[in-house]
Amino acid sequence: MKLNYKRTILVGFAFFLISAFWQAYDTIIPKILTNRFGLSQSVSGFVMALDNILSLFLLPFFGALSDKCNSRRGRRTPFIIVGTLLAALSFSVLAFVDNAQLNSLSAIAGNDRTVYEALYDADLNITTPSGEKIEICEKFTRDEFVSMAEESTENTDYTEYVLPAKNAYAREQTSMAKGIFILFVTVLFLVLVSMATFRSPAVALMPDITMKPLRSKGNAIINLMGAVGGIIVLIMGMVFKTGSPANSYMSYVPFFISVSALMLISLVIFIKKVDEPRFVKDMQADSKAYGIDNSEDGTSGDKKLSKGEFRSLILILLSVVFWYMGYNAVTSKYSVYAGSVLGLDYNLTLMIATGSAILTYLPVGIIASKIGRKKTILAGVLILASAFGAASFMRAGSSPIVLNILFTLAGIGWATINVNSFPMVVELATGGNVGKYTGFYYTASMAAQTVTPVLSGLFLDIKMTYLFPYATIFVLLSFVTMSLTKHGDSKPMPSKSVLESFDIDD
């Protein structure tokens, strides 16, 4: 028994384009909401949670709908094609709406003396990242404020006072002319609906073509493809310099269009190389040859879970909620946090975390097949919690090397969790319902990602440095619930012969 790596990689192009989109979305949209529209962290978090609110309903719906699809291209592929085309188009349009808002902020878009003088003269009330509420005119003289701002866009005073002043100015402009903001949210809504139409079908495709004992390895490949998509977008961000505090008011049109183009190129590869009906038929034949129950091919009805299995399903989904509560708080706020607390470009740090995850996915899939998914996940939870806990003490001027080490550990911990959690859910799937169970998994993760941007935003409005302690607490809660799980772990892989156990080639 062996995983068909080539086919899994080709199927992974769907997850590649999904992850590329979300990497761009999670890092740029929070900056637009706070820098361009002047939203508070909590209100920005609510807007960021729109995707997850929609996903609570749409992901299970489209997952179950794809289970019933009888297209000649298969159950999942039609959703992937249509959803990607709509998402890429609407995401590009979103950049032009953002540009319209940027034009209304021309008075503060630069970094020269006249900009800082205009900010000072606006007589703004601000809340600093450390939680201090001040009036700029009472705290500084005009010359003090301008001199401080001109020194560097990456010093502590700039992130503590100047960026909050720019955001306060943007908030005033938005309150006086709400039309662009309403249009931005409307187009954003269309983007999110487009993405929701195919996320569950895209993820369900891997278990559709992969025998149950090989799904941790298969999910490792899928996550590896997703990580590659994410890291390419981070590299693009470094090329476009989207993460520099000095570029908070740059145009994102070239960057958004480049991300949309990357999504479309990935879709073309997927369409040309993935024959879903044939891949599924081959998996069914292999499962029959090995005597494996892969009844989720749709030929049998649902089988009711036992009480123990149902309890484990709930505990797994609770674990998913808790670690996403912690992890998504960081991913949705770190681009803002890096600029306002650390004075750093977020792209490099996140790229290091993603790179470490890429190197971890395959080994973790292999380890899980030896010691079990549950033990592997618990180890990953402890690594992630330790990294976030230590990052709580990092501030502007702290060693970038230490921060990079912590994000390396965070990437390893998250990869260890992510590779094995989804297979634990679909391990419990029976009958033609892998799409439905995929929907359960994403409902849990989206529920967490609905709540956590708003909840973490409320804490960050009090004090920006609460981000990593918040994340650490929720990740540790997932350790408790996962420890109580009894079902969903990987089963020993049968083989036709002793020699075949050593066969790892495609």
Protein backbone atom coordinates (compact mmCIF):
# COMPACT_ATOMS: atom_id res chain seq x y z
CA MET A 1 0.00 0.00 0.00
CA LYS A 2 1.43 3.34 -1.02
CA LEU A 3 0.30 6.88 -1.52
CA ASN A 4 0.16 8.14 -5.09
CA TYR A 5 2.19 11.29 -4.47
CA LYS A 6 1.86 12.63 -8.01
CA ARG A 7 -1.93 12.54 -7.96
CA THR A 8 -2.09 13.98 -4.46
CA ILE A 9 0.14 16.89 -5.49
CA LEU A 10 -2.02 17.58 -8.54
CA VAL A 11 -5.19 17.54 -6.45
CA GLY A 12 -3.34 19.81 -4.01
CA PHE A 13 -3.29 22.65 -6.54
CA ALA A 14 -6.87 23.40 -5.46
CA PHE A 15 -5.69 23.88 -1.88
CA PHE A 16 -2.63 25.74 -3.18
CA LEU A 17 -4.78 28.48 -4.71
CA ILE A 18 -7.07 28.59 -1.66
CA SER A 19 -4.10 29.09 0.68
CA ALA A 20 -2.55 31.69 -1.61
CA PHE A 21 -5.76 33.70 -1.44
CA TRP A 22 -6.11 33.46 2.34
CA GLN A 23 -2.49 34.41 2.90
CA ALA A 24 -3.07 37.62 0.97
CA TYR A 25 -6.47 38.19 2.57
CA ASP A 26 -5.36 37.65 6.19
CA THR A 27 -2.35 39.95 5.91
CA ILE A 28 -3.66 42.79 3.72
CA ILE A 29 -7.36 43.17 4.56
CA PRO A 30 -6.74 43.95 8.28
CA LYS A 31 -4.26 46.65 7.22
CA ILE A 32 -6.77 48.14 4.80
CA LEU A 33 -9.51 48.18 7.44
CA THR A 34 -7.37 49.88 10.09
CA ASN A 35 -5.06 52.04 7.95
CA ARG A 36 -7.41 53.06 5.12
CA PHE A 37 -10.76 53.14 6.91
CA GLY A 38 -9.52 53.76 10.46
CA LEU A 39 -11.53 50.94 12.04
CA SER A 40 -10.77 49.86 15.59
CA GLN A 41 -9.31 46.39 16.13
CA SER A 42 -12.66 45.03 17.35
CA VAL A 43 -14.68 46.44 14.42
CA SER A 44 -11.95 45.32 12.01
CA GLY A 45 -12.18 41.89 13.64
CA PHE A 46 -15.92 41.79 13.00
CA VAL A 47 -15.41 42.56 9.30
CA MET A 48 -12.72 39.88 9.17
CA ALA A 49 -15.18 37.49 10.78
CA LEU A 50 -17.70 37.93 7.94
CA ASP A 51 -15.99 35.13 6.05
CA ASN A 52 -16.35 32.81 8.98
CA ILE A 53 -19.97 33.76 9.62
CA LEU A 54 -20.78 32.93 6.01
CA SER A 55 -18.73 29.75 6.19
CA LEU A 56 -20.71 28.42 9.15
CA PHE A 57 -23.63 28.00 6.77
CA LEU A 58 -22.08 27.79 3.33
CA LEU A 59 -19.25 25.29 3.89
CA PRO A 60 -21.47 22.46 5.17
CA PHE A 61 -24.05 23.32 2.51
CA PHE A 62 -21.62 23.20 -0.41
CA GLY A 63 -19.80 20.19 1.07
CA ALA A 64 -23.06 18.22 1.24
CA LEU A 65 -24.16 19.59 -2.16
CA SER A 66 -20.94 18.34 -3.76
CA ASP A 67 -21.60 14.88 -2.25
CA LYS A 68 -24.73 14.75 -4.45
CA CYS A 69 -23.16 16.23 -7.60
CA ASN A 70 -23.09 13.89 -10.61
CA SER A 71 -21.14 16.00 -13.10
CA ARG A 72 -19.06 14.25 -15.73
CA ARG A 73 -16.08 16.07 -14.17
CA GLY A 74 -16.82 14.52 -10.79
CA ARG A 75 -18.40 15.67 -7.55
CA ARG A 76 -15.89 18.36 -6.53
CA THR A 77 -14.26 19.76 -9.67
CA PRO A 78 -17.20 21.89 -10.94
CA PHE A 79 -17.31 23.79 -7.64
CA ILE A 80 -13.56 24.40 -7.74
CA ILE A 81 -13.67 25.81 -11.28
CA VAL A 82 -16.63 28.16 -10.85
CA GLY A 83 -15.64 29.31 -7.36
CA THR A 84 -12.05 30.12 -8.31
CA LEU A 85 -13.05 32.16 -11.36
CA LEU A 86 -15.52 34.25 -9.36
CA ALA A 87 -13.11 34.74 -6.45
CA ALA A 88 -10.18 35.83 -8.62
CA LEU A 89 -12.32 38.36 -10.48
CA SER A 90 -13.97 39.89 -7.40
CA PHE A 91 -10.66 40.01 -5.49
CA SER A 92 -9.13 42.10 -8.27
CA VAL A 93 -12.14 44.45 -8.22
CA LEU A 94 -11.67 44.85 -4.46
CA ALA A 95 -8.24 46.38 -5.02
CA PHE A 96 -9.70 49.16 -7.16
CA VAL A 97 -12.29 49.98 -4.51
CA ASP A 98 -9.47 50.22 -1.98
CA ASN A 99 -7.67 52.57 -4.36
CA ALA A 100 -10.68 54.88 -4.33
CA GLN A 101 -10.43 55.11 -0.54
CA LEU A 102 -6.68 55.69 -0.80
CA ASN A 103 -7.31 58.70 -3.04
CA SER A 104 -9.44 60.28 -0.29
CA LEU A 105 -6.47 59.96 2.09
CA SER A 106 -3.95 61.74 -0.14
CA ALA A 107 -3.22 64.25 2.64
CA ILE A 108 -1.62 61.52 4.82
CA ALA A 109 -0.49 59.05 2.16
CA GLY A 110 3.13 60.20 2.18
CA ASN A 111 5.88 60.35 4.78
CA ASP A 112 7.14 63.93 4.42
CA ARG A 113 6.97 66.94 6.75
CA THR A 114 3.74 68.35 5.32
CA VAL A 115 1.96 65.08 6.09
CA TYR A 116 3.03 65.13 9.72
CA GLU A 117 2.15 68.80 10.06
CA ALA A 118 -1.33 68.05 8.69
CA LEU A 119 -1.72 65.21 11.18
CA TYR A 120 -0.72 67.45 14.07
CA ASP A 121 -3.06 70.22 12.97
CA ALA A 122 -5.97 67.75 12.81
CA ASP A 123 -5.96 67.75 16.65
CA LEU A 124 -6.53 63.99 16.93
CA ASN A 125 -7.37 61.80 19.91
CA ILE A 126 -5.61 58.44 19.68
CA THR A 127 -5.14 55.18 21.57
CA THR A 128 -1.57 53.90 21.39
CA PRO A 129 -0.70 50.19 20.96
CA SER A 130 0.24 50.11 24.66
CA GLY A 131 -3.27 51.30 25.60
CA GLU A 132 -2.53 54.97 26.35
CA LYS A 133 -5.29 57.44 25.36
CA ILE A 134 -3.88 60.86 24.43
CA GLU A 135 -4.44 64.03 22.41
CA ILE A 136 -1.52 64.60 20.05
CA CYS A 137 -1.51 68.39 20.62
CA GLU A 138 -1.31 67.93 24.40
CA LYS A 139 1.41 65.28 24.28
CA PHE A 140 3.80 67.00 21.81
CA THR A 141 4.59 70.33 20.29
CA ARG A 142 4.34 70.51 16.51
CA ASP A 143 8.14 70.37 16.06
CA GLU A 144 8.47 67.44 18.49
CA PHE A 145 5.82 65.44 16.65
CA VAL A 146 7.23 66.18 13.18
CA SER A 147 10.83 65.48 14.23
CA MET A 148 9.82 62.22 15.89
CA ALA A 149 7.88 61.10 12.81
CA GLU A 150 10.67 61.99 10.37
CA GLU A 151 13.35 60.02 12.23
CA SER A 152 12.24 56.60 11.05
CA THR A 153 9.10 54.77 10.04
CA GLU A 154 10.22 51.74 12.02
CA ASN A 155 11.10 53.27 15.41
CA THR A 156 9.04 52.87 18.56
CA ASP A 157 7.67 56.42 18.56
CA TYR A 158 6.41 56.06 14.99
CA THR A 159 4.49 52.86 15.76
CA GLU A 160 3.30 54.23 19.11
CA TYR A 161 2.04 57.64 18.00
CA VAL A 162 2.28 58.37 14.27
CA LEU A 163 0.51 55.31 12.86
CA PRO A 164 -2.37 55.62 15.36
CA ALA A 165 -2.68 59.30 14.35
CA LYS A 166 -2.91 58.34 10.67
CA ASN A 167 -5.53 55.72 11.49
CA ALA A 168 -7.54 58.27 13.49
CA TYR A 169 -7.44 60.64 10.51
CA ALA A 170 -8.62 57.84 8.20
CA ARG A 171 -11.48 57.11 10.60
CA GLU A 172 -12.63 60.72 10.43
CA GLN A 173 -12.55 60.67 6.63
CA THR A 174 -14.51 57.42 6.51
CA SER A 175 -17.18 58.75 8.88
CA MET A 176 -17.69 61.78 6.61
CA ALA A 177 -17.99 59.71 3.41
CA LYS A 178 -19.26 56.17 4.05
CA GLY A 179 -20.02 55.26 0.42
CA ILE A 180 -16.63 53.77 -0.40
CA PHE A 181 -16.61 51.71 2.78
CA ILE A 182 -20.07 50.31 1.99
CA LEU A 183 -18.91 49.43 -1.54
CA PHE A 184 -15.73 47.83 -0.16
CA VAL A 185 -17.69 45.61 2.23
CA THR A 186 -20.14 44.68 -0.55
CA VAL A 187 -17.37 43.53 -2.90
CA LEU A 188 -15.64 41.81 0.01
CA PHE A 189 -18.88 39.91 0.64
CA LEU A 190 -18.88 38.68 -2.98
CA VAL A 191 -15.25 37.57 -2.64
CA LEU A 192 -16.02 35.58 0.50
CA VAL A 193 -19.12 33.90 -0.94
CA SER A 194 -17.10 32.88 -4.00
CA MET A 195 -14.41 31.31 -1.81
CA ALA A 196 -17.00 29.51 0.32
CA THR A 197 -18.54 27.76 -2.69
CA PHE A 198 -15.54 25.51 -3.24
CA ARG A 199 -13.47 25.25 -0.06
CA SER A 200 -15.22 22.14 1.33
CA PRO A 201 -15.35 20.39 -2.09
CA ALA A 202 -11.65 21.12 -2.66
CA VAL A 203 -10.63 19.69 0.70
CA ALA A 204 -12.97 16.69 0.38
CA LEU A 205 -11.28 15.69 -2.87
CA MET A 206 -8.19 14.35 -1.09
CA PRO A 207 -10.06 11.70 0.96
CA ASP A 208 -12.14 10.95 -2.15
CA ILE A 209 -9.02 9.69 -3.94
CA THR A 210 -7.06 8.38 -0.92
CA MET A 211 -7.53 5.18 1.09
CA LYS A 212 -8.25 5.73 4.78
CA PRO A 213 -4.90 4.53 6.21
CA LEU A 214 -3.01 6.91 3.90
CA ARG A 215 -4.99 10.06 4.62
CA SER A 216 -2.56 11.58 7.13
CA LYS A 217 0.17 11.31 4.50
CA GLY A 218 -2.24 12.61 1.86
CA ASN A 219 -3.25 15.51 4.09
CA ALA A 220 0.43 16.26 4.65
CA ILE A 221 0.87 16.68 0.89
CA ILE A 222 -2.26 18.83 0.64
CA ASN A 223 -1.07 21.07 3.48
CA LEU A 224 2.38 21.19 1.91
CA MET A 225 0.84 22.48 -1.30
CA GLY A 226 -1.15 25.03 0.70
CA ALA A 227 1.99 26.17 2.50
CA VAL A 228 3.81 26.60 -0.79
CA GLY A 229 0.94 28.77 -2.03
CA GLY A 230 1.13 30.84 1.14
CA ILE A 231 4.88 31.27 1.04
CA ILE A 232 4.80 32.36 -2.62
CA VAL A 233 2.33 35.09 -1.67
CA LEU A 234 4.58 36.16 1.21
CA ILE A 235 7.52 36.38 -1.20
CA MET A 236 5.32 38.46 -3.49
CA GLY A 237 4.54 40.65 -0.49
CA MET A 238 8.26 41.18 0.10
CA VAL A 239 8.75 42.06 -3.57
CA PHE A 240 5.87 44.56 -3.47
CA LYS A 241 6.95 45.66 0.06
CA THR A 242 3.42 45.35 1.42
CA GLY A 243 4.63 44.78 4.98
CA SER A 244 6.77 47.88 5.46
CA PRO A 245 5.25 50.39 7.93
CA ALA A 246 6.36 53.10 5.48
CA ASN A 247 4.07 51.58 2.81
CA SER A 248 0.84 51.57 4.82
CA TYR A 249 -0.71 53.81 2.16
CA MET A 250 0.60 52.14 -0.99
CA SER A 251 -1.67 50.92 -3.79
CA TYR A 252 -2.39 47.19 -3.54
CA VAL A 253 -3.75 46.87 -7.10
CA PRO A 254 -0.60 45.21 -8.57
CA PHE A 255 -0.37 42.84 -5.60
CA PHE A 256 -4.05 41.81 -5.69
CA ILE A 257 -3.98 41.24 -9.44
CA SER A 258 -0.81 39.15 -9.09
CA VAL A 259 -2.46 36.96 -6.43
CA SER A 260 -5.54 36.52 -8.65
CA ALA A 261 -3.30 35.54 -11.57
CA LEU A 262 -1.55 32.97 -9.37
CA MET A 263 -4.94 31.48 -8.48
CA LEU A 264 -5.95 31.23 -12.14
CA ILE A 265 -2.65 29.61 -13.17
CA SER A 266 -3.14 27.01 -10.43
CA LEU A 267 -6.69 26.39 -11.65
CA VAL A 268 -5.47 25.78 -15.21
CA ILE A 269 -2.97 23.17 -13.96
CA PHE A 270 -5.70 21.52 -11.88
CA ILE A 271 -8.15 21.36 -14.80
CA LYS A 272 -5.57 19.93 -17.21
CA LYS A 273 -4.09 17.33 -14.87
CA VAL A 274 -6.83 16.16 -12.48
CA ASP A 275 -9.30 13.56 -13.76
CA GLU A 276 -11.45 13.25 -10.65
CA PRO A 277 -13.75 10.38 -11.78
CA ARG A 278 -10.77 8.22 -12.80
CA PHE A 279 -8.83 9.00 -9.62
CA VAL A 280 -11.84 8.05 -7.46
CA LYS A 281 -12.45 4.84 -9.40
CA ASP A 282 -8.82 3.79 -8.95
CA MET A 283 -9.01 4.45 -5.18
CA GLN A 284 -12.15 2.31 -4.90
CA ALA A 285 -10.42 -0.54 -6.72
CA ASP A 286 -7.35 -0.30 -4.48
CA SER A 287 -9.49 -0.22 -1.33
CA LYS A 288 -11.35 -3.34 -2.45
CA ALA A 289 -8.06 -5.11 -3.15
CA TYR A 290 -6.81 -4.37 0.38
CA GLY A 291 -10.14 -5.11 2.07
CA ILE A 292 -10.53 -1.53 3.32
CA ASP A 293 -13.95 -0.02 3.99
CA ASN A 294 -14.04 3.09 1.84
CA SER A 295 -17.81 3.14 1.57
CA GLU A 296 -17.84 6.91 1.31
CA ASP A 297 -17.63 6.43 -2.44
CA GLY A 298 -21.37 7.00 -2.31
CA THR A 299 -22.50 3.39 -2.85
CA SER A 300 -23.95 2.96 0.64
CA GLY A 301 -26.02 5.00 3.05
CA ASP A 302 -24.96 6.68 6.26
CA LYS A 303 -24.08 4.55 9.25
CA LYS A 304 -24.95 5.94 12.68
CA LEU A 305 -21.98 6.67 14.92
CA SER A 306 -21.70 4.84 18.23
CA LYS A 307 -21.92 6.90 21.44
CA GLY A 308 -18.15 6.73 21.84
CA GLU A 309 -17.52 7.78 18.25
CA PHE A 310 -19.99 10.65 18.52
CA ARG A 311 -18.36 11.84 21.75
CA SER A 312 -14.95 11.72 20.09
CA LEU A 313 -16.25 13.64 17.09
CA ILE A 314 -17.50 16.41 19.41
CA LEU A 315 -14.19 16.47 21.30
CA ILE A 316 -12.18 16.64 18.08
CA LEU A 317 -14.35 19.49 16.80
CA LEU A 318 -13.99 21.32 20.15
CA SER A 319 -10.22 20.93 19.85
CA VAL A 320 -10.40 22.40 16.36
CA VAL A 321 -12.36 25.35 17.77
CA PHE A 322 -9.84 26.02 20.54
CA TRP A 323 -6.64 25.86 18.50
CA TYR A 324 -8.17 27.95 15.72
CA MET A 325 -9.28 30.49 18.34
CA GLY A 326 -5.62 30.92 19.24
CA TYR A 327 -3.97 30.47 15.86
CA ASN A 328 -6.36 32.61 13.83
CA ALA A 329 -6.09 35.47 16.32
CA VAL A 330 -2.39 35.63 15.43
CA THR A 331 -2.79 35.16 11.67
CA SER A 332 -5.57 37.75 11.38
CA LYS A 333 -3.87 40.38 13.55
CA TYR A 334 -0.14 39.80 13.17
CA SER A 335 0.34 42.05 10.12
CA VAL A 336 -1.07 44.94 12.19
CA TYR A 337 0.70 43.79 15.38
CA ALA A 338 4.08 43.57 13.64
CA GLY A 339 3.88 47.17 12.49
CA SER A 340 2.37 48.68 15.64
CA VAL A 341 4.16 46.73 18.40
CA LEU A 342 7.31 45.22 16.87
CA GLY A 343 8.05 47.78 14.14
CA LEU A 344 8.81 44.95 11.72
CA ASP A 345 7.79 43.77 8.24
CA TYR A 346 5.44 40.85 8.83
CA ASN A 347 6.27 39.06 5.56
CA LEU A 348 9.64 37.61 6.58
CA THR A 349 8.42 36.32 9.94
CA LEU A 350 5.38 34.64 8.45
CA MET A 351 7.46 33.22 5.61
CA ILE A 352 9.79 31.60 8.15
CA ALA A 353 6.80 30.06 9.95
CA THR A 354 5.39 28.77 6.66
CA GLY A 355 8.78 27.46 5.55
CA SER A 356 9.19 25.48 8.76
CA ALA A 357 5.71 24.06 8.27
CA ILE A 358 6.61 22.97 4.73
CA LEU A 359 9.59 21.02 6.06
CA THR A 360 7.39 19.44 8.74
CA TYR A 361 4.33 18.23 6.83
CA LEU A 362 5.77 15.03 5.34
CA PRO A 363 7.75 13.86 8.41
CA VAL A 364 4.70 14.48 10.61
CA GLY A 365 2.49 12.42 8.29
CA ILE A 366 4.94 9.55 8.54
CA ILE A 367 5.28 9.90 12.33
CA ALA A 368 1.50 9.88 12.75
CA SER A 369 1.24 6.63 10.81
CA LYS A 370 3.64 5.11 13.36
CA ILE A 371 2.57 6.53 16.74
CA GLY A 372 -0.97 7.69 15.94
CA ARG A 373 -2.62 10.96 15.08
CA LYS A 374 -3.70 11.85 18.62
CA LYS A 375 -0.23 11.70 20.17
CA THR A 376 1.22 13.62 17.26
CA ILE A 377 -1.41 16.36 17.60
CA LEU A 378 -0.82 16.67 21.36
CA ALA A 379 2.89 17.20 20.75
CA GLY A 380 2.09 19.87 18.16
CA VAL A 381 -0.26 21.66 20.57
CA LEU A 382 2.48 21.90 23.19
CA ILE A 383 4.98 23.23 20.66
CA LEU A 384 2.55 25.87 19.37
CA ALA A 385 1.53 26.99 22.87
CA SER A 386 5.18 27.29 23.93
CA ALA A 387 6.02 29.43 20.89
CA PHE A 388 3.07 31.77 21.39
CA GLY A 389 3.74 32.00 25.11
CA ALA A 390 7.34 33.06 24.58
CA ALA A 391 6.34 35.53 21.82
CA SER A 392 4.21 37.34 24.42
CA PHE A 393 7.40 38.94 25.75
CA MET A 394 8.65 40.31 22.41
CA ARG A 395 8.58 44.07 21.84
CA ALA A 396 10.06 46.65 19.47
CA GLY A 397 13.83 46.29 19.77
CA SER A 398 13.68 42.60 20.77
CA SER A 399 15.99 40.23 18.90
CA PRO A 400 14.58 39.39 15.44
CA ILE A 401 16.53 36.11 15.64
CA VAL A 402 14.59 35.03 18.73
CA LEU A 403 11.30 36.01 17.06
CA ASN A 404 12.20 34.00 13.98
CA ILE A 405 13.03 30.97 16.13
CA LEU A 406 9.66 31.24 17.88
CA PHE A 407 7.79 31.47 14.59
CA THR A 408 9.77 28.49 13.30
CA LEU A 409 8.47 26.51 16.28
CA ALA A 410 4.96 27.87 15.69
CA GLY A 411 5.09 26.65 12.09
CA ILE A 412 6.23 23.20 13.22
CA GLY A 413 3.52 23.00 15.87
CA TRP A 414 0.76 24.12 13.52
CA ALA A 415 1.84 21.71 10.79
CA THR A 416 1.84 18.86 13.31
CA ILE A 417 -1.73 19.69 14.33
CA ASN A 418 -3.08 20.47 10.89
CA VAL A 419 -1.85 17.35 9.11
CA ASN A 420 -3.70 15.04 11.48
CA SER A 421 -6.84 16.83 12.65
CA PHE A 422 -8.85 16.69 9.41
CA PRO A 423 -8.11 12.95 8.85
CA MET A 424 -9.36 12.26 12.41
CA VAL A 425 -12.73 13.78 11.47
CA VAL A 426 -13.16 12.01 8.13
CA GLU A 427 -11.96 8.73 9.68
CA LEU A 428 -15.38 8.70 11.34
CA ALA A 429 -17.21 9.33 8.05
CA THR A 430 -19.35 6.49 6.72
CA GLY A 431 -21.40 6.18 3.55
CA GLY A 432 -21.31 8.83 0.87
CA ASN A 433 -20.74 11.70 3.32
CA VAL A 434 -17.08 12.75 3.29
CA GLY A 435 -18.21 16.15 2.03
CA LYS A 436 -20.60 16.45 4.99
CA TYR A 437 -17.90 15.58 7.51
CA THR A 438 -15.57 17.98 5.77
CA GLY A 439 -18.29 20.55 6.38
CA PHE A 440 -18.35 19.61 10.09
CA TYR A 441 -14.61 20.20 10.31
CA TYR A 442 -14.82 23.56 8.59
CA THR A 443 -17.90 24.57 10.58
CA ALA A 444 -15.85 24.10 13.76
CA SER A 445 -12.84 25.98 12.41
CA MET A 446 -15.01 28.75 10.95
CA ALA A 447 -16.97 29.10 14.21
CA ALA A 448 -13.68 29.77 15.98
CA GLN A 449 -12.53 32.14 13.26
CA THR A 450 -15.87 33.96 13.48
CA VAL A 451 -15.51 34.68 17.17
CA THR A 452 -11.78 35.14 17.60
CA PRO A 453 -11.14 38.21 15.39
CA VAL A 454 -13.82 40.12 17.31
CA LEU A 455 -12.92 38.77 20.75
CA SER A 456 -9.18 39.24 20.28
CA GLY A 457 -9.89 42.67 18.77
CA LEU A 458 -11.67 43.71 21.98
CA PHE A 459 -8.58 42.76 23.98
CA LEU A 460 -6.25 44.43 21.48
CA ASP A 461 -8.27 47.65 21.68
CA ILE A 462 -7.39 47.66 25.38
CA LYS A 463 -3.75 46.73 24.81
CA MET A 464 -2.13 45.41 21.63
CA THR A 465 0.30 43.24 23.58
CA TYR A 466 -2.52 40.93 24.73
CA LEU A 467 -2.41 39.11 21.37
CA PHE A 468 -0.02 36.26 22.16
CA PRO A 469 -1.22 35.57 25.74
CA TYR A 470 -4.74 35.29 24.32
CA ALA A 471 -3.55 32.82 21.67
CA THR A 472 -1.59 30.74 24.19
CA ILE A 473 -4.59 30.21 26.49
CA PHE A 474 -6.84 28.89 23.75
CA VAL A 475 -4.21 26.59 22.28
CA LEU A 476 -3.67 25.04 25.73
CA LEU A 477 -7.43 24.45 26.07
CA SER A 478 -7.28 22.29 22.94
CA PHE A 479 -4.75 20.03 24.69
CA VAL A 480 -7.39 19.17 27.30
CA THR A 481 -10.14 18.26 24.82
CA MET A 482 -7.86 16.32 22.50
CA SER A 483 -6.52 14.31 25.46
CA LEU A 484 -10.05 12.99 26.05
CA THR A 485 -10.58 11.81 22.44
CA LYS A 486 -10.80 8.04 21.94
CA HIS A 487 -11.72 7.59 18.23
CA GLY A 488 -10.52 8.88 14.88
CA ASP A 489 -6.94 7.72 15.20
CA SER A 490 -5.18 5.97 12.32
CA LYS A 491 -5.45 2.22 12.02
CA PRO A 492 -2.60 -0.11 11.03
CA MET A 493 -2.10 -0.28 7.28
CA PRO A 494 -2.59 -3.75 5.79
CA SER A 495 -0.19 -4.89 3.08
CA LYS A 496 -0.28 -7.68 0.56
CA SER A 497 3.23 -8.76 1.43
CA VAL A 498 6.06 -8.01 3.84
CA LEU A 499 8.13 -6.50 1.02
CA GLU A 500 5.35 -4.07 0.13
CA SER A 501 5.61 -2.50 3.58
CA PHE A 502 8.90 -1.01 2.44
CA ASP A 503 7.52 0.32 -0.86
CA ILE A 504 7.41 4.12 -0.66
CA ASP A 505 7.71 5.00 -4.34
CA ASP A 506 4.89 6.53 -6.36
